Amino acid sequence: MKLFRFLMLAIVATLFIACEPTVEKPLPDNPTPEQPTPDDPTPEPEPVPEPEQVGNFFEIKDIYKADITADSVYAHCDDEITTYLICYGRCKTLAYIEDVANVRLSIEGYGVGEAFDIDFATSDKSFTISVLLYDKQYNVYEYKLSNENRDDVEGRFTLKDGVISLKLSLGDLLLENYFKVDAFRSVNECTEIIPDTSEDIYAQLFTPASVVLDNRDASTHYIYVSSKEGITTVEGMADAEYIVAYPSEGWADKLLKGNFVAGGSYPTMTITLNGKTYSKSDCGGFNCQFKAYDADRGVIKLNSNLYYSEGGGVALYYDGAVTLIE
């Protein structure tokens, strides 16, 4: 009986404790946030994308859209007008994109690399811009505008801290570019092309600064290219980095017509690069072209290529003053 009474009291006590209401403690006015434990580290913030990783595309509305990157950006200043040429594909020298650059902007009042911000719709600066694009079927789409012809255009072109930003909405075109430019490529350059499994690698050999044409010899004419400025004599070209020797008939038959003189057409033609002479028999080939030549003004656009092997060699381009010696 005593055992029975003891068990009943224990059961009642247990039920009383279980039924006792829970009293919540008041929260402090400024609760301390829960701190992460070593096993639960604070998540890393999302990385901010680099400018060249954002919005690089063009869209021809209802027709075509493509992701793009800029391989080369050329810049030069002439008569206080700076021109930027942007190429979306790989190029050896300016000769390969001069007439077909994807984006060409000419702007007055800024030097090469100087920061600017041009609103195409409202800017009072003198500017012209042309855009040349291709779809997968190689159809060509060309757009042009300027401060005198900018109806129904929106967008801006800016350069700041080495980052180019280009936004343009014109007709059926929508274009957005953001990319960093470590250095603008010069109009005048002699580059070495080293073939690689994925893409060509380019190394600047020298910057052409002077050109002399020597037409005194009846059978062989010479083109001298030097990195030194202001050279106007053959004697001054004694240490020229690049020398083209070709049969004299190539002058009128090829060069003055804008065509190439090449080792395939003239087996005796040679090119000397940094003291080493190449003939057609011991290299992959070579050529030389006057893209433009004005004897009266004394200016030339010279394009030349020397191929060591398939895909590798040297590409040279020069746009500037020239001296003709006859």
Protein backbone atom coordinates (compact mmCIF):
# COMPACT_ATOMS: atom_id res chain seq x y z
CA MET A 1 0.00 0.00 0.00
CA LYS A 2 2.82 2.39 0.87
CA LEU A 3 4.48 1.49 -2.40
CA PHE A 4 1.27 2.30 -4.30
CA ARG A 5 0.92 5.73 -2.62
CA PHE A 6 4.58 6.56 -3.43
CA LEU A 7 4.13 5.75 -7.12
CA MET A 8 0.98 7.88 -7.36
CA LEU A 9 2.75 10.91 -5.83
CA ALA A 10 5.66 10.54 -8.30
CA ILE A 11 3.28 10.46 -11.27
CA VAL A 12 1.42 13.58 -10.07
CA ALA A 13 4.68 15.49 -9.56
CA THR A 14 5.87 14.60 -13.04
CA LEU A 15 2.61 15.80 -14.63
CA PHE A 16 2.80 19.09 -12.68
CA ILE A 17 6.32 19.85 -13.96
CA ALA A 18 5.40 18.97 -17.56
CA CYS A 19 2.39 21.27 -17.48
CA GLU A 20 4.22 24.29 -15.99
CA PRO A 21 4.11 27.20 -18.50
CA THR A 22 7.35 28.28 -20.20
CA VAL A 23 8.38 31.85 -19.48
CA GLU A 24 10.20 33.54 -22.43
CA LYS A 25 13.13 35.78 -21.56
CA PRO A 26 12.91 39.31 -23.02
CA LEU A 27 15.23 40.02 -26.01
CA PRO A 28 17.81 42.79 -25.68
CA ASP A 29 17.17 46.03 -27.58
CA ASN A 30 20.16 45.38 -29.94
CA PRO A 31 20.56 41.66 -30.28
CA THR A 32 24.04 40.42 -31.19
CA PRO A 33 23.96 38.60 -34.54
CA GLU A 34 24.88 34.99 -34.49
CA GLN A 35 28.58 34.57 -35.13
CA PRO A 36 29.73 31.97 -37.65
CA THR A 37 31.66 29.05 -36.30
CA PRO A 38 34.97 27.85 -37.82
CA ASP A 39 32.98 25.07 -39.50
CA ASP A 40 30.60 27.65 -41.02
CA PRO A 41 32.85 30.37 -42.56
CA THR A 42 31.53 33.67 -43.88
CA PRO A 43 30.74 33.22 -47.60
CA GLU A 44 33.08 35.04 -50.02
CA PRO A 45 31.52 38.03 -51.84
CA GLU A 46 30.76 37.61 -55.53
CA PRO A 47 33.70 38.89 -57.63
CA VAL A 48 33.10 42.08 -59.57
CA PRO A 49 33.59 41.31 -63.28
CA GLU A 50 36.36 43.07 -65.15
CA PRO A 51 35.18 45.66 -67.70
CA GLU A 52 36.19 43.52 -70.67
CA GLN A 53 33.99 40.68 -69.38
CA VAL A 54 30.77 42.66 -69.41
CA GLY A 55 28.39 43.35 -72.27
CA ASN A 56 30.72 42.72 -75.21
CA PHE A 57 28.28 42.08 -78.00
CA PHE A 58 26.58 43.53 -81.01
CA GLU A 59 23.05 42.85 -82.15
CA ILE A 60 21.47 43.59 -85.49
CA LYS A 61 17.90 43.45 -84.31
CA ASP A 62 15.83 40.52 -85.59
CA ILE A 63 18.77 39.43 -87.75
CA TYR A 64 21.91 38.55 -85.83
CA LYS A 65 23.62 38.72 -82.45
CA ALA A 66 27.24 37.92 -81.59
CA ASP A 67 29.57 38.06 -78.61
CA ILE A 68 32.72 40.02 -79.39
CA THR A 69 36.09 40.98 -77.98
CA ALA A 70 38.61 43.50 -79.23
CA ASP A 71 41.89 42.00 -80.42
CA SER A 72 43.61 45.23 -81.41
CA VAL A 73 43.03 48.92 -80.83
CA TYR A 74 45.06 51.32 -82.97
CA ALA A 75 45.34 55.02 -82.26
CA HIS A 76 47.05 57.86 -84.08
CA CYS A 77 46.82 61.64 -84.21
CA ASP A 78 46.94 63.66 -87.44
CA ASP A 79 46.28 67.41 -87.72
CA GLU A 80 44.85 67.56 -84.18
CA ILE A 81 42.36 64.78 -84.95
CA THR A 82 42.81 61.51 -83.07
CA THR A 83 41.52 58.34 -84.70
CA TYR A 84 40.84 55.07 -82.88
CA LEU A 85 40.45 51.87 -84.89
CA ILE A 86 39.06 48.80 -83.16
CA CYS A 87 39.36 45.33 -84.64
CA TYR A 88 37.34 42.37 -83.34
CA GLY A 89 39.60 39.80 -85.02
CA ARG A 90 43.32 39.12 -84.96
CA CYS A 91 45.41 41.28 -87.26
CA LYS A 92 49.11 41.39 -88.11
CA THR A 93 49.44 45.12 -88.77
CA LEU A 94 47.15 48.02 -89.58
CA ALA A 95 47.32 47.08 -93.26
CA TYR A 96 44.96 44.20 -92.55
CA ILE A 97 42.18 46.31 -91.01
CA GLU A 98 42.82 49.86 -92.21
CA ASP A 99 39.91 49.85 -94.63
CA VAL A 100 37.67 47.41 -92.74
CA ALA A 101 38.12 48.22 -89.05
CA ASN A 102 35.03 47.21 -87.09
CA VAL A 103 34.86 50.55 -85.29
CA ARG A 104 36.54 53.78 -86.36
CA LEU A 105 36.21 56.94 -84.28
CA SER A 106 37.80 60.26 -85.17
CA ILE A 107 37.58 63.01 -82.58
CA GLU A 108 38.92 66.54 -82.42
CA GLY A 109 40.50 68.13 -79.37
CA TYR A 110 41.95 65.07 -77.57
CA GLY A 111 45.38 63.47 -77.80
CA VAL A 112 46.01 59.74 -78.09
CA GLY A 113 45.02 58.06 -74.83
CA GLU A 114 43.59 61.26 -73.33
CA ALA A 115 40.37 60.66 -71.38
CA PHE A 116 37.16 61.71 -73.10
CA ASP A 117 33.41 61.17 -72.90
CA ILE A 118 31.40 61.66 -76.08
CA ASP A 119 27.62 61.54 -75.95
CA PHE A 120 26.67 60.89 -79.57
CA ALA A 121 23.34 62.68 -79.25
CA THR A 122 24.46 65.88 -77.53
CA SER A 123 28.24 66.36 -77.73
CA ASP A 124 29.44 69.66 -79.14
CA LYS A 125 32.78 68.09 -80.12
CA SER A 126 33.52 67.35 -83.74
CA PHE A 127 33.50 63.59 -84.26
CA THR A 128 32.78 60.88 -86.82
CA ILE A 129 32.21 57.20 -86.14
CA SER A 130 31.68 54.25 -88.46
CA VAL A 131 30.82 50.68 -87.56
CA LEU A 132 31.39 47.76 -89.93
CA LEU A 133 29.98 44.37 -88.89
CA TYR A 134 29.50 40.94 -90.43
CA ASP A 135 27.10 38.12 -89.71
CA LYS A 136 27.86 34.40 -90.05
CA GLN A 137 27.03 34.52 -93.75
CA TYR A 138 29.48 37.44 -94.16
CA ASN A 139 26.73 39.89 -94.95
CA VAL A 140 28.04 43.41 -94.31
CA TYR A 141 26.27 45.96 -92.09
CA GLU A 142 27.68 49.49 -92.06
CA TYR A 143 26.60 52.38 -89.86
CA LYS A 144 27.90 55.95 -89.89
CA LEU A 145 27.21 59.03 -87.84
CA SER A 146 28.83 62.32 -86.85
CA ASN A 147 28.07 65.48 -84.92
CA GLU A 148 26.38 66.72 -88.12
CA ASN A 149 24.44 63.51 -88.80
CA ARG A 150 23.05 61.93 -85.62
CA ASP A 151 19.28 61.64 -85.90
CA ASP A 152 17.71 58.92 -83.78
CA VAL A 153 21.02 57.89 -82.20
CA GLU A 154 21.70 57.04 -78.57
CA GLY A 155 24.95 56.11 -76.89
CA ARG A 156 28.37 57.31 -75.89
CA PHE A 157 32.05 56.53 -76.36
CA THR A 158 34.34 56.99 -73.36
CA LEU A 159 37.98 56.41 -72.54
CA LYS A 160 39.05 56.53 -68.91
CA ASP A 161 41.87 54.83 -66.97
CA GLY A 162 42.69 52.61 -69.93
CA VAL A 163 39.13 51.31 -70.31
CA ILE A 164 37.13 51.91 -73.48
CA SER A 165 33.37 51.92 -73.17
CA LEU A 166 31.23 52.06 -76.29
CA LYS A 167 27.44 51.97 -76.34
CA LEU A 168 25.55 52.68 -79.52
CA SER A 169 21.91 52.33 -80.56
CA LEU A 170 21.32 53.33 -84.16
CA GLY A 171 18.61 51.97 -86.42
CA ASP A 172 18.58 48.19 -86.06
CA LEU A 173 22.02 48.14 -84.39
CA LEU A 174 22.65 47.69 -80.69
CA LEU A 175 26.33 47.65 -79.73
CA GLU A 176 28.02 47.43 -76.32
CA ASN A 177 31.77 47.16 -75.71
CA TYR A 178 33.82 47.36 -72.54
CA PHE A 179 37.48 46.43 -72.66
CA LYS A 180 40.80 47.38 -71.15
CA VAL A 181 43.61 48.69 -73.33
CA ASP A 182 47.09 48.23 -71.91
CA ALA A 183 48.66 50.00 -74.89
CA PHE A 184 47.34 51.35 -78.17
CA ARG A 185 48.97 49.82 -81.20
CA SER A 186 50.89 52.25 -83.38
CA VAL A 187 50.03 52.81 -87.02
CA ASN A 188 53.67 52.12 -87.85
CA GLU A 189 54.94 48.75 -86.65
CA CYS A 190 57.09 45.83 -87.63
CA THR A 191 55.89 42.76 -85.77
CA GLU A 192 57.02 39.16 -85.65
CA ILE A 193 54.26 36.58 -86.04
CA ILE A 194 54.93 33.35 -84.13
CA PRO A 195 52.43 30.59 -84.96
CA ASP A 196 50.77 28.96 -81.97
CA THR A 197 48.27 26.14 -81.61
CA SER A 198 45.47 28.48 -80.58
CA GLU A 199 46.29 31.92 -81.94
CA ASP A 200 49.13 33.94 -83.38
CA ILE A 201 51.51 35.58 -80.94
CA TYR A 202 52.84 39.01 -81.88
CA ALA A 203 56.11 40.61 -80.84
CA GLN A 204 57.06 44.16 -81.78
CA LEU A 205 60.43 44.14 -83.55
CA PHE A 206 60.73 47.87 -84.19
CA THR A 207 58.68 50.95 -85.09
CA PRO A 208 59.37 52.19 -88.62
CA ALA A 209 60.16 55.91 -88.61
CA SER A 210 61.87 56.64 -91.96
CA VAL A 211 61.60 55.26 -95.49
CA VAL A 212 63.87 55.93 -98.46
CA LEU A 213 63.21 54.68 -102.00
CA ASP A 214 66.40 54.27 -104.04
CA ASN A 215 65.66 54.01 -107.79
CA ARG A 216 69.10 54.95 -109.10
CA ASP A 217 70.12 51.49 -110.26
CA ALA A 218 68.71 50.54 -113.69
CA SER A 219 68.13 46.89 -112.77
CA THR A 220 67.45 46.82 -109.01
CA HIS A 221 65.49 49.26 -106.84
CA TYR A 222 65.64 49.39 -103.04
CA ILE A 223 63.25 50.23 -100.23
CA TYR A 224 64.97 51.13 -96.95
CA VAL A 225 63.04 51.17 -93.67
CA SER A 226 64.62 52.41 -90.44
CA SER A 227 63.53 52.94 -86.85
CA LYS A 228 65.45 56.23 -86.81
CA GLU A 229 63.52 59.40 -87.54
CA GLY A 230 64.39 61.94 -90.20
CA ILE A 231 66.60 59.81 -92.46
CA THR A 232 66.44 61.01 -96.07
CA THR A 233 69.60 59.52 -97.66
CA VAL A 234 70.83 56.05 -98.58
CA GLU A 235 73.98 56.71 -96.58
CA GLY A 236 71.87 57.35 -93.51
CA MET A 237 70.21 53.96 -94.04
CA ALA A 238 73.47 52.07 -93.52
CA ASP A 239 72.00 50.29 -90.49
CA ALA A 240 68.36 50.11 -91.65
CA GLU A 241 66.50 47.20 -90.10
CA TYR A 242 64.48 46.31 -93.20
CA ILE A 243 65.60 46.47 -96.84
CA VAL A 244 63.66 45.30 -99.88
CA ALA A 245 65.58 44.74 -103.15
CA TYR A 246 63.46 44.04 -106.23
CA PRO A 247 63.79 44.19 -110.05
CA SER A 248 63.25 47.73 -111.32
CA GLU A 249 60.35 46.72 -113.61
CA GLY A 250 58.30 46.05 -110.49
CA TRP A 251 58.22 49.80 -109.78
CA ALA A 252 55.86 50.77 -112.61
CA ASP A 253 54.27 47.38 -113.25
CA LYS A 254 53.32 46.61 -109.64
CA LEU A 255 54.05 49.14 -106.89
CA LEU A 256 52.74 52.30 -108.55
CA LYS A 257 49.53 50.42 -109.37
CA GLY A 258 49.02 49.41 -105.75
CA ASN A 259 49.88 45.78 -106.46
CA PHE A 260 52.39 43.52 -104.73
CA VAL A 261 55.93 42.86 -105.83
CA ALA A 262 56.59 39.33 -104.57
CA GLY A 263 59.21 36.64 -104.58
CA GLY A 264 56.91 34.39 -106.57
CA SER A 265 56.88 36.85 -109.48
CA TYR A 266 60.47 38.08 -109.10
CA PRO A 267 62.82 35.23 -108.07
CA THR A 268 65.77 37.62 -107.66
CA MET A 269 63.92 39.77 -105.13
CA THR A 270 65.26 39.72 -101.55
CA ILE A 271 64.38 41.11 -98.13
CA THR A 272 67.02 41.82 -95.52
CA LEU A 273 65.89 41.88 -91.89
CA ASN A 274 68.37 42.95 -89.22
CA GLY A 275 71.31 41.99 -91.40
CA LYS A 276 69.99 38.59 -92.56
CA THR A 277 68.99 38.34 -96.22
CA TYR A 278 66.12 36.12 -97.37
CA SER A 279 65.50 34.97 -100.92
CA LYS A 280 62.52 33.05 -102.28
CA SER A 281 64.43 29.77 -102.13
CA ASP A 282 65.18 29.86 -98.38
CA CYS A 283 61.91 31.10 -96.85
CA GLY A 284 58.17 30.73 -97.17
CA GLY A 285 57.86 33.83 -99.36
CA PHE A 286 57.62 37.62 -99.14
CA ASN A 287 55.97 40.63 -100.73
CA CYS A 288 55.78 44.40 -100.67
CA GLN A 289 53.00 46.84 -101.59
CA PHE A 290 52.34 50.56 -101.77
CA LYS A 291 48.82 50.89 -100.35
CA ALA A 292 49.14 54.58 -101.22
CA TYR A 293 51.91 56.74 -102.67
CA ASP A 294 52.00 60.47 -103.39
CA ALA A 295 55.32 61.60 -104.83
CA ASP A 296 54.33 65.28 -104.86
CA ARG A 297 53.47 65.32 -101.15
CA GLY A 298 56.24 62.86 -100.28
CA VAL A 299 54.05 60.39 -98.35
CA ILE A 300 53.57 56.65 -98.56
CA LYS A 301 51.65 53.76 -97.05
CA LEU A 302 53.97 50.78 -97.21
CA ASN A 303 52.96 47.19 -96.46
CA SER A 304 55.43 44.30 -96.49
CA ASN A 305 55.46 40.69 -95.31
CA LEU A 306 58.18 38.09 -94.88
CA TYR A 307 57.18 34.49 -94.17
CA TYR A 308 59.67 32.20 -92.47
CA SER A 309 57.23 29.29 -92.64
CA GLU A 310 53.50 28.56 -92.73
CA GLY A 311 51.87 31.21 -90.52
CA GLY A 312 55.10 32.62 -89.09
CA GLY A 313 57.20 35.58 -90.13
CA VAL A 314 57.25 39.36 -90.11
CA ALA A 315 54.60 41.96 -90.97
CA LEU A 316 55.60 45.60 -91.51
CA TYR A 317 53.46 48.67 -92.06
CA TYR A 318 54.44 52.32 -92.42
CA ASP A 319 52.33 55.43 -93.04
CA GLY A 320 54.33 58.63 -93.29
CA ALA A 321 56.95 60.67 -95.07
CA VAL A 322 59.12 59.13 -97.76
CA THR A 323 62.16 60.22 -99.74
CA LEU A 324 62.55 59.16 -103.40
CA ILE A 325 66.08 59.16 -104.83
CA GLU A 326 66.38 58.78 -108.63
